């Protein structure tokens, strides 16, 4: 495993309320193993994604994933991150 992919997960990590958040982490780990790459994933709280500076935050990732867990603490932050991914051509998945 010599290649590392950095994945930003858009969402408010709360594994006690959203069991799917645990599954999201596990899915990334399993996919990385199957592809013989390593992943470094970071959960990005939606409140931190509101504003004009999100480009600097999101550009550091190779891909973005909008995790399940609506309602988000900031729907605006989630939508701004999704818009960034789409307009900048980032690999993106929403679940």
PDB file of N, CA and C in Angstrom:
ATOM      1  N   UNK A   1       0.837  -1.177   0.000  1.00  0.00           N
ATOM      2  CA  UNK A   1       0.000   0.000   0.000  1.00  0.00           C
ATOM      3  C   UNK A   1       0.884   1.243   0.000  1.00  0.00           C
ATOM      4  N   UNK A   2       1.207   1.717  -1.166  1.00  0.00           N
ATOM      5  CA  UNK A   2       2.069   2.878  -1.226  1.00  0.00           C
ATOM      6  C   UNK A   2       1.317   4.158  -1.590  1.00  0.00           C
ATOM      7  N   UNK A   3       0.099   4.054  -2.041  1.00  0.00           N
ATOM      8  CA  UNK A   3      -0.670   5.242  -2.373  1.00  0.00           C
ATOM      9  C   UNK A   3      -1.651   5.542  -1.246  1.00  0.00           C
ATOM     10  N   UNK A   4      -1.688   6.810  -0.836  1.00  0.00           N
ATOM     11  CA  UNK A   4      -2.646   7.198   0.198  1.00  0.00           C
ATOM     12  C   UNK A   4      -3.647   8.191  -0.379  1.00  0.00           C
ATOM     13  N   UNK A   5      -4.928   7.907  -0.171  1.00  0.00           N
ATOM     14  CA  UNK A   5      -6.003   8.784  -0.610  1.00  0.00           C
ATOM     15  C   UNK A   5      -6.576   9.504   0.603  1.00  0.00           C
ATOM     16  N   UNK A   6      -6.752  10.814   0.460  1.00  0.00           N
ATOM     17  CA  UNK A   6      -7.331  11.613   1.523  1.00  0.00           C
ATOM     18  C   UNK A   6      -8.789  11.883   1.172  1.00  0.00           C
ATOM     19  N   UNK A   7      -9.682  11.439   2.029  1.00  0.00           N
ATOM     20  CA  UNK A   7     -11.120  11.578   1.800  1.00  0.00           C
ATOM     21  C   UNK A   7     -11.713  12.469   2.884  1.00  0.00           C
ATOM     22  N   UNK A   8     -12.420  13.499   2.455  1.00  0.00           N
ATOM     23  CA  UNK A   8     -13.150  14.356   3.384  1.00  0.00           C
ATOM     24  C   UNK A   8     -14.594  13.895   3.447  1.00  0.00           C
ATOM     25  N   UNK A   9     -15.068  13.650   4.653  1.00  0.00           N
ATOM     26  CA  UNK A   9     -16.445  13.195   4.840  1.00  0.00           C
ATOM     27  C   UNK A   9     -17.262  14.365   5.374  1.00  0.00           C
ATOM     28  N   UNK A  10     -18.183  14.831   4.544  1.00  0.00           N
ATOM     29  CA  UNK A  10     -19.036  15.962   4.893  1.00  0.00           C
ATOM     30  C   UNK A  10     -20.153  15.438   5.787  1.00  0.00           C
ATOM     31  N   UNK A  11     -20.170  15.887   7.028  1.00  0.00           N
ATOM     32  CA  UNK A  11     -21.211  15.424   7.935  1.00  0.00           C
ATOM     33  C   UNK A  11     -20.825  15.654   9.380  1.00  0.00           C
ATOM     34  N   UNK A  12     -21.793  15.558  10.230  1.00  0.00           N
ATOM     35  CA  UNK A  12     -21.611  15.792  11.657  1.00  0.00           C
ATOM     36  C   UNK A  12     -21.526  14.439  12.366  1.00  0.00           C
ATOM     37  N   UNK A  13     -20.293  13.984  12.570  1.00  0.00           N
ATOM     38  CA  UNK A  13     -20.044  12.635  13.086  1.00  0.00           C
ATOM     39  C   UNK A  13     -20.742  12.432  14.426  1.00  0.00           C
ATOM     40  N   UNK A  14     -21.637  11.465  14.456  1.00  0.00           N
ATOM     41  CA  UNK A  14     -22.398  11.140  15.665  1.00  0.00           C
ATOM     42  C   UNK A  14     -22.753   9.654  15.630  1.00  0.00           C
ATOM     43  N   UNK A  15     -21.794   8.792  15.978  1.00  0.00           N
ATOM     44  CA  UNK A  15     -22.029   7.350  15.855  1.00  0.00           C
ATOM     45  C   UNK A  15     -23.084   6.800  16.821  1.00  0.00           C
ATOM     46  N   UNK A  16     -23.419   7.537  17.864  1.00  0.00           N
ATOM     47  CA  UNK A  16     -24.446   7.074  18.801  1.00  0.00           C
ATOM     48  C   UNK A  16     -25.841   7.229  18.214  1.00  0.00           C
ATOM     49  N   UNK A  17     -26.026   8.259  17.392  1.00  0.00           N
ATOM     50  CA  UNK A  17     -27.326   8.509  16.770  1.00  0.00           C
ATOM     51  C   UNK A  17     -27.408   7.886  15.383  1.00  0.00           C
ATOM     52  N   UNK A  18     -26.309   7.972  14.637  1.00  0.00           N
ATOM     53  CA  UNK A  18     -26.272   7.477  13.264  1.00  0.00           C
ATOM     54  C   UNK A  18     -25.268   6.330  13.168  1.00  0.00           C
ATOM     55  N   UNK A  19     -25.773   5.101  13.309  1.00  0.00           N
ATOM     56  CA  UNK A  19     -24.895   3.936  13.218  1.00  0.00           C
ATOM     57  C   UNK A  19     -24.217   3.864  11.854  1.00  0.00           C
ATOM     58  N   UNK A  20     -24.837   4.499  10.863  1.00  0.00           N
ATOM     59  CA  UNK A  20     -24.257   4.500   9.519  1.00  0.00           C
ATOM     60  C   UNK A  20     -22.917   5.229   9.481  1.00  0.00           C
ATOM     61  N   UNK A  21     -22.654   6.093  10.441  1.00  0.00           N
ATOM     62  CA  UNK A  21     -21.361   6.780  10.456  1.00  0.00           C
ATOM     63  C   UNK A  21     -20.227   5.795  10.732  1.00  0.00           C
ATOM     64  N   UNK A  22     -20.477   4.829  11.574  1.00  0.00           N
ATOM     65  CA  UNK A  22     -19.486   3.782  11.826  1.00  0.00           C
ATOM     66  C   UNK A  22     -19.288   2.986  10.540  1.00  0.00           C
ATOM     67  N   UNK A  23     -20.373   2.683   9.857  1.00  0.00           N
ATOM     68  CA  UNK A  23     -20.299   1.928   8.601  1.00  0.00           C
ATOM     69  C   UNK A  23     -19.571   2.710   7.514  1.00  0.00           C
ATOM     70  N   UNK A  24     -19.716   4.022   7.512  1.00  0.00           N
ATOM     71  CA  UNK A  24     -19.006   4.855   6.541  1.00  0.00           C
ATOM     72  C   UNK A  24     -17.502   4.702   6.729  1.00  0.00           C
ATOM     73  N   UNK A  25     -17.046   4.794   7.957  1.00  0.00           N
ATOM     74  CA  UNK A  25     -15.619   4.607   8.239  1.00  0.00           C
ATOM     75  C   UNK A  25     -15.155   3.220   7.818  1.00  0.00           C
ATOM     76  N   UNK A  26     -15.944   2.204   8.157  1.00  0.00           N
ATOM     77  CA  UNK A  26     -15.576   0.832   7.821  1.00  0.00           C
ATOM     78  C   UNK A  26     -15.578   0.610   6.310  1.00  0.00           C
ATOM     79  N   UNK A  27     -16.535   1.204   5.613  1.00  0.00           N
ATOM     80  CA  UNK A  27     -16.598   1.051   4.153  1.00  0.00           C
ATOM     81  C   UNK A  27     -15.347   1.625   3.497  1.00  0.00           C
ATOM     82  N   UNK A  28     -14.904   2.767   3.957  1.00  0.00           N
ATOM     83  CA  UNK A  28     -13.678   3.353   3.398  1.00  0.00           C
ATOM     84  C   UNK A  28     -12.468   2.464   3.671  1.00  0.00           C
ATOM     85  N   UNK A  29     -12.394   1.918   4.853  1.00  0.00           N
ATOM     86  CA  UNK A  29     -11.276   1.027   5.183  1.00  0.00           C
ATOM     87  C   UNK A  29     -11.303  -0.240   4.343  1.00  0.00           C
ATOM     88  N   UNK A  30     -12.477  -0.831   4.175  1.00  0.00           N
ATOM     89  CA  UNK A  30     -12.607  -2.047   3.369  1.00  0.00           C
ATOM     90  C   UNK A  30     -12.284  -1.782   1.904  1.00  0.00           C
ATOM     91  N   UNK A  31     -12.777  -0.679   1.365  1.00  0.00           N
ATOM     92  CA  UNK A  31     -12.507  -0.338  -0.036  1.00  0.00           C
ATOM     93  C   UNK A  31     -11.020  -0.110  -0.254  1.00  0.00           C
ATOM     94  N   UNK A  32     -10.389   0.590   0.673  1.00  0.00           N
ATOM     95  CA  UNK A  32      -8.946   0.836   0.552  1.00  0.00           C
ATOM     96  C   UNK A  32      -8.169  -0.470   0.561  1.00  0.00           C
ATOM     97  N   UNK A  33      -8.553  -1.378   1.427  1.00  0.00           N
ATOM     98  CA  UNK A  33      -7.883  -2.675   1.495  1.00  0.00           C
ATOM     99  C   UNK A  33      -8.050  -3.445   0.188  1.00  0.00           C
ATOM    100  N   UNK A  34      -9.261  -3.444  -0.342  1.00  0.00           N
ATOM    101  CA  UNK A  34      -9.526  -4.169  -1.590  1.00  0.00           C
ATOM    102  C   UNK A  34      -8.754  -3.576  -2.765  1.00  0.00           C
ATOM    103  N   UNK A  35      -8.496  -2.270  -2.714  1.00  0.00           N
ATOM    104  CA  UNK A  35      -7.792  -1.588  -3.801  1.00  0.00           C
ATOM    105  C   UNK A  35      -6.281  -1.475  -3.552  1.00  0.00           C
ATOM    106  N   UNK A  36      -5.845  -2.005  -2.436  1.00  0.00           N
ATOM    107  CA  UNK A  36      -4.426  -1.948  -2.044  1.00  0.00           C
ATOM    108  C   UNK A  36      -3.903  -0.516  -1.968  1.00  0.00           C
ATOM    109  N   UNK A  37      -4.704   0.348  -1.390  1.00  0.00           N
ATOM    110  CA  UNK A  37      -4.296   1.723  -1.101  1.00  0.00           C
ATOM    111  C   UNK A  37      -4.594   1.981   0.372  1.00  0.00           C
ATOM    112  N   UNK A  38      -4.050   3.042   0.882  1.00  0.00           N
ATOM    113  CA  UNK A  38      -4.403   3.425   2.245  1.00  0.00           C
ATOM    114  C   UNK A  38      -5.244   4.688   2.184  1.00  0.00           C
ATOM    115  N   UNK A  39      -6.069   4.857   3.182  1.00  0.00           N
ATOM    116  CA  UNK A  39      -6.905   6.056   3.224  1.00  0.00           C
ATOM    117  C   UNK A  39      -6.652   6.801   4.517  1.00  0.00           C
ATOM    118  N   UNK A  40      -6.796   8.069   4.408  1.00  0.00           N
ATOM    119  CA  UNK A  40      -6.810   8.957   5.557  1.00  0.00           C
ATOM    120  C   UNK A  40      -8.097   9.741   5.408  1.00  0.00           C
ATOM    121  N   UNK A  41      -9.078   9.474   6.261  1.00  0.00           N
ATOM    122  CA  UNK A  41     -10.339  10.182   6.124  1.00  0.00           C
ATOM    123  C   UNK A  41     -10.573  11.088   7.328  1.00  0.00           C
ATOM    124  N   UNK A  42     -11.222  12.209   7.037  1.00  0.00           N
ATOM    125  CA  UNK A  42     -11.483  13.227   8.042  1.00  0.00           C
ATOM    126  C   UNK A  42     -12.945  13.632   7.961  1.00  0.00           C
ATOM    127  N   UNK A  43     -13.621  13.615   9.096  1.00  0.00           N
ATOM    128  CA  UNK A  43     -14.994  14.094   9.143  1.00  0.00           C
ATOM    129  C   UNK A  43     -14.974  15.618   9.199  1.00  0.00           C
ATOM    130  N   UNK A  44     -15.790  16.243   8.378  1.00  0.00           N
ATOM    131  CA  UNK A  44     -15.848  17.695   8.263  1.00  0.00           C
ATOM    132  C   UNK A  44     -17.196  18.182   8.775  1.00  0.00           C
ATOM    133  N   UNK A  45     -17.258  18.713   9.988  1.00  0.00           N
ATOM    134  CA  UNK A  45     -18.535  19.198  10.525  1.00  0.00           C
ATOM    135  C   UNK A  45     -19.141  20.251   9.610  1.00  0.00           C
ATOM    136  N   UNK A  46     -20.430  20.153   9.395  1.00  0.00           N
ATOM    137  CA  UNK A  46     -21.079  21.043   8.436  1.00  0.00           C
ATOM    138  C   UNK A  46     -21.028  22.511   8.858  1.00  0.00           C
ATOM    139  N   UNK A  47     -21.005  22.782  10.143  1.00  0.00           N
ATOM    140  CA  UNK A  47     -20.894  24.171  10.587  1.00  0.00           C
ATOM    141  C   UNK A  47     -19.570  24.783  10.153  1.00  0.00           C
ATOM    142  N   UNK A  48     -18.528  23.964  10.024  1.00  0.00           N
ATOM    143  CA  UNK A  48     -17.210  24.468   9.618  1.00  0.00           C
ATOM    144  C   UNK A  48     -17.138  24.724   8.117  1.00  0.00           C
ATOM    145  N   UNK A  49     -18.174  24.347   7.381  1.00  0.00           N
ATOM    146  CA  UNK A  49     -18.161  24.467   5.925  1.00  0.00           C
ATOM    147  C   UNK A  49     -18.977  25.644   5.412  1.00  0.00           C
ATOM    148  N   UNK A  50     -19.384  26.506   6.308  1.00  0.00           N
ATOM    149  CA  UNK A  50     -20.134  27.691   5.921  1.00  0.00           C
ATOM    150  C   UNK A  50     -19.145  28.829   5.702  1.00  0.00           C
ATOM    151  N   UNK A  51     -19.238  29.466   4.558  1.00  0.00           N
ATOM    152  CA  UNK A  51     -18.381  30.612   4.304  1.00  0.00           C
ATOM    153  C   UNK A  51     -17.565  30.470   3.042  1.00  0.00           C
ATOM    154  N   UNK A  52     -16.814  31.502   2.761  1.00  0.00           N
ATOM    155  CA  UNK A  52     -16.076  31.570   1.515  1.00  0.00           C
ATOM    156  C   UNK A  52     -14.746  30.830   1.557  1.00  0.00           C
ATOM    157  N   UNK A  53     -14.273  30.447   2.716  1.00  0.00           N
ATOM    158  CA  UNK A  53     -12.957  29.818   2.813  1.00  0.00           C
ATOM    159  C   UNK A  53     -12.994  28.294   2.730  1.00  0.00           C
ATOM    160  N   UNK A  54     -14.140  27.709   2.379  1.00  0.00           N
ATOM    161  CA  UNK A  54     -14.196  26.245   2.370  1.00  0.00           C
ATOM    162  C   UNK A  54     -13.316  25.642   1.284  1.00  0.00           C
ATOM    163  N   UNK A  55     -13.036  26.406   0.232  1.00  0.00           N
ATOM    164  CA  UNK A  55     -12.170  25.891  -0.829  1.00  0.00           C
ATOM    165  C   UNK A  55     -10.824  25.464  -0.289  1.00  0.00           C
ATOM    166  N   UNK A  56     -10.249  26.256   0.589  1.00  0.00           N
ATOM    167  CA  UNK A  56      -8.955  25.912   1.183  1.00  0.00           C
ATOM    168  C   UNK A  56      -9.061  24.637   2.015  1.00  0.00           C
ATOM    169  N   UNK A  57     -10.168  24.464   2.684  1.00  0.00           N
ATOM    170  CA  UNK A  57     -10.381  23.259   3.492  1.00  0.00           C
ATOM    171  C   UNK A  57     -10.556  22.033   2.608  1.00  0.00           C
ATOM    172  N   UNK A  58     -11.380  22.150   1.572  1.00  0.00           N
ATOM    173  CA  UNK A  58     -11.747  20.985   0.771  1.00  0.00           C
ATOM    174  C   UNK A  58     -10.697  20.589  -0.267  1.00  0.00           C
ATOM    175  N   UNK A  59      -9.892  21.532  -0.728  1.00  0.00           N
ATOM    176  CA  UNK A  59      -8.891  21.230  -1.757  1.00  0.00           C
ATOM    177  C   UNK A  59      -7.816  20.261  -1.286  1.00  0.00           C
ATOM    178  N   UNK A  60      -7.667  20.087   0.004  1.00  0.00           N
ATOM    179  CA  UNK A  60      -6.637  19.191   0.523  1.00  0.00           C
ATOM    180  C   UNK A  60      -6.997  17.708   0.364  1.00  0.00           C
ATOM    181  N   UNK A  61      -8.246  17.436  -0.031  1.00  0.00           N
ATOM    182  CA  UNK A  61      -8.709  16.056  -0.151  1.00  0.00           C
ATOM    183  C   UNK A  61      -8.696  15.584  -1.599  1.00  0.00           C
ATOM    184  N   UNK A  62      -8.562  14.275  -1.764  1.00  0.00           N
ATOM    185  CA  UNK A  62      -8.613  13.666  -3.095  1.00  0.00           C
ATOM    186  C   UNK A  62     -10.048  13.383  -3.522  1.00  0.00           C
ATOM    187  N   UNK A  63     -10.938  13.231  -2.554  1.00  0.00           N
ATOM    188  CA  UNK A  63     -12.348  12.930  -2.826  1.00  0.00           C
ATOM    189  C   UNK A  63     -13.180  13.394  -1.638  1.00  0.00           C
ATOM    190  N   UNK A  64     -14.469  13.584  -1.894  1.00  0.00           N
ATOM    191  CA  UNK A  64     -15.393  14.009  -0.846  1.00  0.00           C
ATOM    192  C   UNK A  64     -16.590  13.067  -0.807  1.00  0.00           C
ATOM    193  N   UNK A  65     -17.085  12.831   0.390  1.00  0.00           N
ATOM    194  CA  UNK A  65     -18.234  11.957   0.602  1.00  0.00           C
ATOM    195  C   UNK A  65     -19.191  12.710   1.515  1.00  0.00           C
ATOM    196  N   UNK A  66     -20.420  12.904   1.074  1.00  0.00           N
ATOM    197  CA  UNK A  66     -21.435  13.505   1.927  1.00  0.00           C
ATOM    198  C   UNK A  66     -22.161  12.364   2.631  1.00  0.00           C
ATOM    199  N   UNK A  67     -21.912  12.257   3.911  1.00  0.00           N
ATOM    200  CA  UNK A  67     -22.405  11.123   4.698  1.00  0.00           C
ATOM    201  C   UNK A  67     -23.884  11.273   5.037  1.00  0.00           C
ATOM    202  N   UNK A  68     -24.534  10.149   5.312  1.00  0.00           N
ATOM    203  CA  UNK A  68     -25.913  10.212   5.791  1.00  0.00           C
ATOM    204  C   UNK A  68     -25.947  10.869   7.169  1.00  0.00           C
ATOM    205  N   UNK A  69     -27.078  11.374   7.544  1.00  0.00           N
ATOM    206  CA  UNK A  69     -27.209  11.951   8.871  1.00  0.00           C
ATOM    207  C   UNK A  69     -28.000  13.236   8.890  1.00  0.00           C
ATOM    208  N   UNK A  70     -28.853  13.426   7.916  1.00  0.00           N
ATOM    209  CA  UNK A  70     -29.675  14.615   7.873  1.00  0.00           C
ATOM    210  C   UNK A  70     -30.731  14.524   8.979  1.00  0.00           C
ATOM    211  N   UNK A  71     -31.104  15.597   9.632  1.00  0.00           N
ATOM    212  CA  UNK A  71     -30.708  16.961   9.297  1.00  0.00           C
ATOM    213  C   UNK A  71     -29.312  17.262   9.825  1.00  0.00           C
ATOM    214  N   UNK A  72     -28.548  17.962   9.009  1.00  0.00           N
ATOM    215  CA  UNK A  72     -27.208  18.367   9.400  1.00  0.00           C
ATOM    216  C   UNK A  72     -27.302  19.575  10.315  1.00  0.00           C
ATOM    217  N   UNK A  73     -26.248  19.808  11.085  1.00  0.00           N
ATOM    218  CA  UNK A  73     -26.221  21.001  11.925  1.00  0.00           C
ATOM    219  C   UNK A  73     -26.262  22.249  11.057  1.00  0.00           C
ATOM    220  N   UNK A  74     -25.678  22.151   9.851  1.00  0.00           N
ATOM    221  CA  UNK A  74     -25.761  23.254   8.894  1.00  0.00           C
ATOM    222  C   UNK A  74     -26.005  22.691   7.505  1.00  0.00           C
ATOM    223  N   UNK A  75     -27.250  22.725   7.070  1.00  0.00           N
ATOM    224  CA  UNK A  75     -27.562  22.282   5.712  1.00  0.00           C
ATOM    225  C   UNK A  75     -26.832  23.175   4.710  1.00  0.00           C
ATOM    226  N   UNK A  76     -26.700  24.460   5.030  1.00  0.00           N
ATOM    227  CA  UNK A  76     -25.983  25.381   4.146  1.00  0.00           C
ATOM    228  C   UNK A  76     -24.532  24.931   3.965  1.00  0.00           C
ATOM    229  N   UNK A  77     -23.882  24.531   5.049  1.00  0.00           N
ATOM    230  CA  UNK A  77     -22.504  24.058   4.957  1.00  0.00           C
ATOM    231  C   UNK A  77     -22.391  22.807   4.109  1.00  0.00           C
ATOM    232  N   UNK A  78     -23.318  21.870   4.294  1.00  0.00           N
ATOM    233  CA  UNK A  78     -23.311  20.645   3.497  1.00  0.00           C
ATOM    234  C   UNK A  78     -23.503  20.957   2.019  1.00  0.00           C
ATOM    235  N   UNK A  79     -24.472  21.823   1.721  1.00  0.00           N
ATOM    236  CA  UNK A  79     -24.743  22.164   0.321  1.00  0.00           C
ATOM    237  C   UNK A  79     -23.599  22.940  -0.316  1.00  0.00           C
ATOM    238  N   UNK A  80     -22.936  23.800   0.447  1.00  0.00           N
ATOM    239  CA  UNK A  80     -21.783  24.522  -0.102  1.00  0.00           C
ATOM    240  C   UNK A  80     -20.656  23.551  -0.446  1.00  0.00           C
ATOM    241  N   UNK A  81     -20.438  22.555   0.404  1.00  0.00           N
ATOM    242  CA  UNK A  81     -19.389  21.566   0.134  1.00  0.00           C
ATOM    243  C   UNK A  81     -19.740  20.717  -1.086  1.00  0.00           C
ATOM    244  N   UNK A  82     -20.996  20.326  -1.212  1.00  0.00           N
ATOM    245  CA  UNK A  82     -21.429  19.551  -2.377  1.00  0.00           C
ATOM    246  C   UNK A  82     -21.268  20.381  -3.647  1.00  0.00           C
ATOM    247  N   UNK A  83     -21.653  21.625  -3.571  1.00  0.00           N
ATOM    248  CA  UNK A  83     -21.518  22.508  -4.740  1.00  0.00           C
ATOM    249  C   UNK A  83     -20.052  22.656  -5.134  1.00  0.00           C
ATOM    250  N   UNK A  84     -19.192  22.830  -4.140  1.00  0.00           N
ATOM    251  CA  UNK A  84     -17.755  22.928  -4.405  1.00  0.00           C
ATOM    252  C   UNK A  84     -17.266  21.684  -5.142  1.00  0.00           C
ATOM    253  N   UNK A  85     -17.648  20.519  -4.634  1.00  0.00           N
ATOM    254  CA  UNK A  85     -17.198  19.257  -5.250  1.00  0.00           C
ATOM    255  C   UNK A  85     -17.657  19.168  -6.699  1.00  0.00           C
ATOM    256  N   UNK A  86     -18.893  19.494  -6.938  1.00  0.00           N
ATOM    257  CA  UNK A  86     -19.436  19.395  -8.306  1.00  0.00           C
ATOM    258  C   UNK A  86     -18.801  20.404  -9.245  1.00  0.00           C
ATOM    259  N   UNK A  87     -18.665  21.636  -8.796  1.00  0.00           N
ATOM    260  CA  UNK A  87     -18.133  22.680  -9.667  1.00  0.00           C
ATOM    261  C   UNK A  87     -16.631  22.544  -9.909  1.00  0.00           C
ATOM    262  N   UNK A  88     -15.929  21.965  -8.957  1.00  0.00           N
ATOM    263  CA  UNK A  88     -14.477  21.815  -9.092  1.00  0.00           C
ATOM    264  C   UNK A  88     -14.091  20.448  -9.661  1.00  0.00           C
ATOM    265  N   UNK A  89     -15.075  19.600  -9.932  1.00  0.00           N
ATOM    266  CA  UNK A  89     -14.806  18.301 -10.534  1.00  0.00           C
ATOM    267  C   UNK A  89     -14.163  17.291  -9.604  1.00  0.00           C
ATOM    268  N   UNK A  90     -14.396  17.438  -8.297  1.00  0.00           N
ATOM    269  CA  UNK A  90     -13.841  16.487  -7.336  1.00  0.00           C
ATOM    270  C   UNK A  90     -14.613  15.175  -7.401  1.00  0.00           C
ATOM    271  N   UNK A  91     -13.937  14.059  -7.228  1.00  0.00           N
ATOM    272  CA  UNK A  91     -14.677  12.805  -7.040  1.00  0.00           C
ATOM    273  C   UNK A  91     -15.587  12.965  -5.816  1.00  0.00           C
ATOM    274  N   UNK A  92     -16.853  12.602  -5.974  1.00  0.00           N
ATOM    275  CA  UNK A  92     -17.839  12.866  -4.928  1.00  0.00           C
ATOM    276  C   UNK A  92     -18.874  11.764  -4.896  1.00  0.00           C
ATOM    277  N   UNK A  93     -19.285  11.427  -3.670  1.00  0.00           N
ATOM    278  CA  UNK A  93     -20.403  10.516  -3.496  1.00  0.00           C
ATOM    279  C   UNK A  93     -21.258  11.066  -2.363  1.00  0.00           C
ATOM    280  N   UNK A  94     -22.543  10.923  -2.497  1.00  0.00           N
ATOM    281  CA  UNK A  94     -23.467  11.306  -1.442  1.00  0.00           C
ATOM    282  C   UNK A  94     -24.338  10.118  -1.101  1.00  0.00           C
ATOM    283  N   UNK A  95     -24.499   9.856   0.186  1.00  0.00           N
ATOM    284  CA  UNK A  95     -25.312   8.719   0.599  1.00  0.00           C
ATOM    285  C   UNK A  95     -26.412   9.161   1.527  1.00  0.00           C
TER     286      UNK A  95
END
